[in-house]
């Protein structure tokens, strides 16, 4: 599209002479071609402004750059996101409708404009809402409910009775609704506890690649509206996660833990079971959480404690070798003085 058209769609103001030039896409500030736009907002990338070949730079303030055009907007990263959406080419399948190699049970219901890719399986009593896309090789087990405009990428497995809201995105290799890790110790071996519940996923949830979300023992494992999961995350049985949460890669949450809304988890955070994490809490990367976290509190370290306390402990540990050396030196001097006094 014309640069002027893109600027209008972004709600910005163009400073530069090339309003009628064609834009082919979006790239980084360092790699953009002369027919692409880029985003600038982080001073760490300021040095690239002098050499960028971009047709235009999306930013929230006036800049000096080698680009002849600047797109000024109030919220630059929001505008960058919108530009990415405009030029997005991400699809889960290039096939329209139901591919001949897909297996769709006669008692499944597919609404209008649903696409099912090659070798996918849609089992009995499955309901798929309008405009949803099921990628190649994906397995949708009996009784699953999938809302409107969902994108289930290739190679996803959704176990029986799972429920997905509207506009859910699930990336490849993820398993929804597998059995929770429930066993009773017994002299004859560990006895499996039946996992009779399901998984319920709200609207506008995105789940990364290689995630596992276990079904509940009874009731539901719940992921709230607009929550986003990175890759390689495990959610155990009967966990409830509120709306608008962010979970970075390799986070693990043990069974029956309740997470409020707007909670942020750093990468590799580990959460024990049967605890409560309040709204708006922040769990730092690699934190080990073993007790309740109040709303709005930031914790870090292992075991997790308020972030300020954790930083002070880390600083004290850094001083420990020098402190140890001084104690040893003091004890030597003390013992020497003791001997001289005898």
Protein backbone atom coordinates (compact mmCIF):
# COMPACT_ATOMS: atom_id res chain seq x y z
CA UNK A 1 0.00 0.00 0.00
CA UNK A 2 1.01 3.63 -0.29
CA UNK A 3 2.99 5.04 2.60
CA UNK A 4 0.30 7.69 3.09
CA UNK A 5 -2.35 4.95 3.38
CA UNK A 6 -0.32 3.11 6.01
CA UNK A 7 0.19 6.34 7.98
CA UNK A 8 -3.57 6.89 7.96
CA UNK A 9 -4.23 3.34 9.18
CA UNK A 10 -1.70 3.84 11.98
CA UNK A 11 -3.30 7.13 13.03
CA UNK A 12 -0.01 8.96 12.63
CA UNK A 13 1.50 11.97 10.90
CA UNK A 14 3.99 11.66 8.05
CA UNK A 15 7.05 13.86 7.95
CA UNK A 16 8.83 13.32 4.65
CA UNK A 17 8.41 13.54 0.88
CA UNK A 18 7.52 9.97 -0.09
CA UNK A 19 3.79 9.73 0.68
CA UNK A 20 3.08 8.00 -2.65
CA UNK A 21 5.82 5.35 -2.35
CA UNK A 22 4.69 1.74 -1.93
CA UNK A 23 5.27 -0.12 1.34
CA UNK A 24 5.81 -3.90 1.09
CA UNK A 25 6.19 -4.77 4.76
CA UNK A 26 7.81 -4.24 8.16
CA UNK A 27 11.36 -5.04 9.28
CA UNK A 28 13.93 -4.16 11.91
CA UNK A 29 15.67 -0.81 11.90
CA UNK A 30 18.96 -2.44 10.85
CA UNK A 31 17.57 -4.81 8.19
CA UNK A 32 14.73 -2.82 6.60
CA UNK A 33 14.79 -2.41 2.83
CA UNK A 34 13.90 0.77 0.99
CA UNK A 35 10.29 -0.42 0.55
CA UNK A 36 9.77 -1.36 4.23
CA UNK A 37 9.01 0.54 7.43
CA UNK A 38 10.64 -0.03 10.82
CA UNK A 39 10.14 0.93 14.46
CA UNK A 40 12.38 2.98 16.75
CA UNK A 41 11.84 3.46 20.46
CA UNK A 42 14.77 1.95 22.33
CA UNK A 43 17.89 4.18 22.63
CA UNK A 44 20.05 1.03 22.42
CA UNK A 45 19.33 1.06 18.68
CA UNK A 46 19.99 4.75 18.13
CA UNK A 47 23.21 4.09 16.23
CA UNK A 48 21.23 2.24 13.54
CA UNK A 49 19.28 5.41 12.70
CA UNK A 50 22.27 6.79 10.78
CA UNK A 51 22.42 3.78 8.46
CA UNK A 52 18.88 2.43 8.16
CA UNK A 53 17.58 1.97 4.61
CA UNK A 54 13.93 1.96 5.71
CA UNK A 55 11.40 3.92 3.71
CA UNK A 56 10.05 5.30 7.00
CA UNK A 57 10.65 5.00 10.73
CA UNK A 58 7.71 4.64 13.13
CA UNK A 59 8.46 6.61 16.30
CA UNK A 60 6.86 8.78 18.97
CA UNK A 61 9.28 11.71 18.65
CA UNK A 62 11.27 13.56 16.01
CA UNK A 63 14.56 11.90 15.11
CA UNK A 64 17.50 12.33 12.79
CA UNK A 65 18.02 9.33 10.56
CA UNK A 66 19.12 8.24 7.11
CA UNK A 67 15.48 7.54 6.27
CA UNK A 68 13.74 10.33 4.39
CA UNK A 69 10.44 9.73 6.20
CA UNK A 70 9.21 9.58 9.78
CA UNK A 71 5.81 8.33 10.95
CA UNK A 72 5.02 10.20 14.17
CA UNK A 73 2.48 8.52 16.46
CA UNK A 74 1.58 8.86 20.14
CA UNK A 75 2.22 5.20 20.95
CA UNK A 76 4.96 3.98 18.64
CA UNK A 77 5.04 0.34 19.69
CA UNK A 78 1.25 0.08 19.37
CA UNK A 79 1.55 1.48 15.85
CA UNK A 80 4.37 -0.96 15.07
CA UNK A 81 2.14 -3.80 16.25
CA UNK A 82 -0.68 -2.57 14.04
CA UNK A 83 1.68 -2.41 11.05
CA UNK A 84 2.73 -6.02 11.71
CA UNK A 85 -0.92 -7.05 11.73
CA UNK A 86 -1.56 -5.23 8.45
CA UNK A 87 1.30 -7.06 6.72
CA UNK A 88 0.93 -10.37 8.57
CA UNK A 89 1.28 -13.54 6.53
CA UNK A 90 0.99 -16.03 9.38
CA UNK A 91 -1.43 -18.87 8.59
CA UNK A 92 -1.79 -22.33 10.07
CA UNK A 93 -2.70 -23.90 6.74
CA UNK A 94 -2.76 -22.94 3.10
CA UNK A 95 -5.81 -25.09 2.48
CA UNK A 96 -9.37 -23.80 2.43
CA UNK A 97 -12.20 -25.91 3.75
CA UNK A 98 -11.70 -29.50 4.85
CA UNK A 99 -8.74 -31.20 3.21
CA UNK A 100 -9.54 -34.59 1.63
CA UNK A 101 -7.03 -36.35 3.89
CA UNK A 102 -8.56 -34.94 7.08
CA UNK A 103 -10.89 -37.18 9.10
CA UNK A 104 -14.01 -35.45 10.38
CA UNK A 105 -16.50 -37.52 12.36
CA UNK A 106 -20.06 -37.30 11.00
CA UNK A 107 -21.28 -36.20 14.45
CA UNK A 108 -18.86 -33.25 14.60
CA UNK A 109 -20.21 -29.77 13.85
CA UNK A 110 -18.14 -27.31 11.85
CA UNK A 111 -19.52 -23.77 11.47
CA UNK A 112 -19.05 -21.67 8.35
CA UNK A 113 -15.59 -20.94 6.95
CA UNK A 114 -13.83 -23.54 9.12
CA UNK A 115 -10.63 -24.95 7.60
CA UNK A 116 -9.20 -28.35 8.52
CA UNK A 117 -5.69 -29.12 7.23
CA UNK A 118 -4.21 -32.36 5.89
CA UNK A 119 -4.28 -35.42 8.14
CA UNK A 120 -6.06 -33.63 10.96
CA UNK A 121 -8.65 -35.54 13.00
CA UNK A 122 -11.87 -34.01 14.29
CA UNK A 123 -13.63 -36.57 16.47
CA UNK A 124 -17.23 -37.12 17.52
CA UNK A 125 -19.34 -34.34 19.08
CA UNK A 126 -16.65 -31.73 18.44
CA UNK A 127 -17.99 -28.22 17.83
CA UNK A 128 -15.81 -25.71 15.96
CA UNK A 129 -16.94 -22.09 15.64
CA UNK A 130 -16.99 -19.99 12.49
CA UNK A 131 -13.78 -18.98 10.82
CA UNK A 132 -11.56 -21.24 12.92
CA UNK A 133 -8.57 -22.97 11.39
CA UNK A 134 -7.30 -26.42 12.34
CA UNK A 135 -3.72 -27.09 11.20
CA UNK A 136 -2.33 -30.21 9.57
CA UNK A 137 -1.95 -33.26 11.78
CA UNK A 138 -3.82 -31.75 14.70
CA UNK A 139 -6.00 -34.05 16.82
CA UNK A 140 -9.28 -32.75 18.22
CA UNK A 141 -10.67 -35.40 20.60
CA UNK A 142 -14.35 -36.17 21.34
CA UNK A 143 -16.53 -33.47 22.86
CA UNK A 144 -14.09 -30.57 22.39
CA UNK A 145 -15.61 -27.10 21.97
CA UNK A 146 -13.64 -24.53 19.95
CA UNK A 147 -14.94 -20.97 19.57
CA UNK A 148 -14.93 -18.56 16.65
CA UNK A 149 -11.83 -17.40 14.77
CA UNK A 150 -9.40 -19.69 16.57
CA UNK A 151 -6.08 -20.73 15.02
CA UNK A 152 -4.87 -24.18 16.01
CA UNK A 153 -1.48 -24.66 14.38
CA UNK A 154 -0.21 -28.00 13.00
CA UNK A 155 0.56 -30.82 15.40
CA UNK A 156 -1.57 -29.74 18.36
CA UNK A 157 -3.42 -32.32 20.48
CA UNK A 158 -6.60 -31.25 22.31
CA UNK A 159 -7.96 -33.97 24.58
CA UNK A 160 -11.61 -34.76 25.14
CA UNK A 161 -14.09 -32.27 26.63
CA UNK A 162 -11.68 -29.32 26.51
CA UNK A 163 -13.32 -25.94 25.92
CA UNK A 164 -11.72 -23.06 24.01
CA UNK A 165 -13.16 -19.56 23.75
CA UNK A 166 -13.01 -17.23 20.77
CA UNK A 167 -9.84 -16.09 18.99
CA UNK A 168 -7.62 -18.60 20.79
CA UNK A 169 -4.21 -19.29 19.21
CA UNK A 170 -2.36 -22.53 20.00
CA UNK A 171 1.07 -23.22 18.53
CA UNK A 172 2.54 -26.51 17.38
CA UNK A 173 3.44 -29.31 19.75
CA UNK A 174 1.15 -28.15 22.54
CA UNK A 175 -1.07 -30.64 24.37
CA UNK A 176 -4.29 -29.47 26.03
CA UNK A 177 -6.11 -31.69 28.49
CA UNK A 178 -3.64 -34.50 29.14
CA UNK A 179 -4.00 -36.30 32.48
CA UNK A 180 -2.77 -34.51 35.57
CA UNK A 181 0.01 -36.08 37.65
CA UNK A 182 -2.12 -37.77 40.28
CA UNK A 183 -1.15 -40.98 42.09
CA UNK A 184 -1.79 -42.55 45.48
CA UNK A 185 1.22 -44.35 47.07
CA UNK A 186 0.43 -47.99 47.77
CA UNK A 187 2.47 -51.08 48.71
CA UNK A 188 1.50 -52.58 45.37
CA UNK A 189 2.60 -49.50 43.43
CA UNK A 190 1.44 -45.99 42.72
CA UNK A 191 -2.31 -46.03 42.05
CA UNK A 192 -3.51 -43.68 39.35
CA UNK A 193 -6.16 -41.13 40.34
CA UNK A 194 -8.65 -40.73 37.47
CA UNK A 195 -8.57 -37.24 35.96
CA UNK A 196 -12.25 -36.68 35.23
CA UNK A 197 -12.29 -32.91 34.78
CA UNK A 198 -11.39 -30.80 31.76
CA UNK A 199 -9.54 -27.68 30.60
CA UNK A 200 -11.33 -24.39 29.96
CA UNK A 201 -9.51 -21.68 28.01
CA UNK A 202 -10.97 -18.18 27.74
CA UNK A 203 -11.17 -15.72 24.86
CA UNK A 204 -8.07 -14.17 23.21
CA UNK A 205 -5.66 -16.59 24.88
CA UNK A 206 -2.42 -17.45 23.07
CA UNK A 207 -0.46 -20.57 23.99
CA UNK A 208 3.07 -21.09 22.66
CA UNK A 209 4.74 -24.16 21.22
CA UNK A 210 5.42 -27.23 23.32
CA UNK A 211 3.18 -26.32 26.25
CA UNK A 212 1.22 -28.83 28.34
CA UNK A 213 -1.97 -27.99 30.22
CA UNK A 214 -3.35 -30.84 32.33
CA UNK A 215 -7.03 -31.58 32.77
CA UNK A 216 -8.50 -31.32 36.27
CA UNK A 217 -9.16 -34.25 38.60
CA UNK A 218 -12.71 -32.90 38.87
CA UNK A 219 -13.92 -29.49 37.77
CA UNK A 220 -11.69 -27.53 35.40
CA UNK A 221 -8.16 -26.30 34.86
CA UNK A 222 -8.80 -22.69 33.79
CA UNK A 223 -6.85 -20.17 31.71
CA UNK A 224 -8.52 -16.74 31.84
CA UNK A 225 -9.29 -14.33 29.01
CA UNK A 226 -6.39 -12.57 27.29
CA UNK A 227 -3.69 -14.55 29.12
CA UNK A 228 -0.57 -15.30 27.07
CA UNK A 229 1.72 -18.31 27.48
CA UNK A 230 5.21 -18.48 26.00
CA UNK A 231 6.74 -21.75 24.74
CA UNK A 232 7.51 -24.78 26.95
CA UNK A 233 5.19 -24.03 29.86
CA UNK A 234 3.50 -26.59 32.09
CA UNK A 235 0.19 -25.96 33.87
CA UNK A 236 -0.81 -28.79 36.22
CA UNK A 237 -4.27 -30.09 37.08
CA UNK A 238 -6.85 -27.81 38.72
CA UNK A 239 -4.73 -24.69 38.34
CA UNK A 240 -6.74 -21.53 37.74
CA UNK A 241 -5.11 -18.55 36.03
CA UNK A 242 -6.91 -15.23 35.82
CA UNK A 243 -7.21 -12.81 32.94
CA UNK A 244 -4.40 -10.82 31.35
CA UNK A 245 -1.50 -12.85 32.78
CA UNK A 246 1.88 -13.24 31.05
CA UNK A 247 3.93 -16.43 31.47
CA UNK A 248 7.46 -16.56 30.05
CA UNK A 249 9.11 -19.73 28.79
CA UNK A 250 9.66 -22.78 31.02
CA UNK A 251 7.39 -21.58 33.79
CA UNK A 252 5.83 -24.46 35.72
CA UNK A 253 2.79 -24.23 38.01
CA UNK A 254 1.94 -27.19 40.22
CA UNK A 255 -1.55 -28.48 40.90
CA UNK A 256 -4.46 -26.58 42.46
CA UNK A 257 -2.65 -23.24 42.58
CA UNK A 258 -4.80 -20.15 42.05
CA UNK A 259 -3.32 -17.24 40.10
CA UNK A 260 -5.06 -13.88 40.01
CA UNK A 261 -5.38 -11.48 37.08
CA UNK A 262 -2.54 -9.47 35.58
CA UNK A 263 0.19 -11.65 37.09
CA UNK A 264 3.57 -11.75 35.31
CA UNK A 265 5.90 -14.79 35.46
CA UNK A 266 9.54 -14.54 34.38
CA UNK A 267 11.24 -17.40 32.57
CA UNK A 268 11.78 -20.68 34.46
CA UNK A 269 9.68 -19.58 37.42
CA UNK A 270 8.64 -22.57 39.53
CA UNK A 271 5.39 -22.48 41.51
CA UNK A 272 4.42 -25.07 44.10
CA UNK A 273 0.89 -26.42 44.40
CA UNK A 274 -2.09 -25.39 46.52
CA UNK A 275 -1.10 -21.73 46.97
CA UNK A 276 -2.62 -18.41 45.92
CA UNK A 277 -0.90 -15.66 43.92
CA UNK A 278 -2.71 -12.32 44.09
CA UNK A 279 -3.67 -9.96 41.29
CA UNK A 280 -0.84 -7.99 39.71
CA UNK A 281 1.98 -9.91 41.38
CA UNK A 282 5.31 -10.25 39.55
CA UNK A 283 7.31 -13.48 39.79
CA UNK A 284 10.89 -12.89 38.64
CA UNK A 285 12.79 -15.27 36.37
CA UNK A 286 13.86 -18.53 38.07
CA UNK A 287 12.01 -17.64 41.26
CA UNK A 288 10.90 -20.59 43.37
CA UNK A 289 7.52 -19.80 44.93
CA UNK A 290 6.49 -22.02 47.83
CA UNK A 291 3.93 -19.89 49.67
CA UNK A 292 1.11 -17.43 48.97
CA UNK A 293 2.06 -14.16 47.24
CA UNK A 294 -0.08 -11.10 48.06
CA UNK A 295 -1.52 -8.94 45.30
CA UNK A 296 0.87 -6.48 43.70
CA UNK A 297 4.05 -7.89 45.27
CA UNK A 298 7.22 -8.58 43.24
CA UNK A 299 9.21 -11.61 44.37
CA UNK A 300 12.48 -13.17 43.27
CA UNK A 301 15.04 -15.76 44.32
CA UNK A 302 14.78 -19.23 45.80
CA UNK A 303 12.89 -19.51 47.97
CA UNK A 304 11.04 -16.50 46.58
CA UNK A 305 10.88 -13.45 48.83
CA UNK A 306 10.11 -9.75 48.25
CA UNK A 307 12.45 -8.51 45.54
CA UNK A 308 14.16 -5.87 47.71
CA UNK A 309 15.00 -8.43 50.36
CA UNK A 310 16.28 -10.83 47.72
CA UNK A 311 18.59 -8.16 46.30
CA UNK A 312 19.99 -7.37 49.75
CA UNK A 313 20.68 -11.07 50.39
CA UNK A 314 22.44 -11.39 47.03
CA UNK A 315 24.59 -8.36 47.86
CA UNK A 316 25.47 -9.87 51.25
CA UNK A 317 26.43 -13.17 49.64
CA UNK A 318 28.74 -11.33 47.25
CA UNK A 319 30.58 -9.92 50.29
CA UNK A 320 30.80 -13.29 52.03
CA UNK A 321 34.25 -14.41 50.71
CA UNK A 322 35.86 -11.12 51.83
CA UNK A 323 34.08 -11.34 55.19
CA UNK A 324 35.29 -14.93 55.62
CA UNK A 325 38.87 -13.89 54.86
CA UNK A 326 38.68 -11.12 57.47
CA UNK A 327 37.27 -13.51 60.11
CA UNK A 328 40.08 -16.01 59.47
CA UNK A 329 42.67 -13.23 59.71
CA UNK A 330 41.09 -11.95 62.92
CA UNK A 331 41.10 -15.43 64.48
CA UNK A 332 44.77 -15.91 63.60
CA UNK A 333 45.69 -12.59 65.21
CA UNK A 334 43.53 -13.37 68.23
CA UNK A 335 45.15 -16.80 68.73
CA UNK A 336 48.59 -15.30 68.33
CA UNK A 337 47.83 -12.66 70.99
CA UNK A 338 46.50 -15.35 73.31
CA UNK A 339 49.75 -17.29 73.02
CA UNK A 340 51.86 -14.17 73.65
CA UNK A 341 49.91 -13.45 76.82
CA UNK A 342 50.56 -16.86 78.33
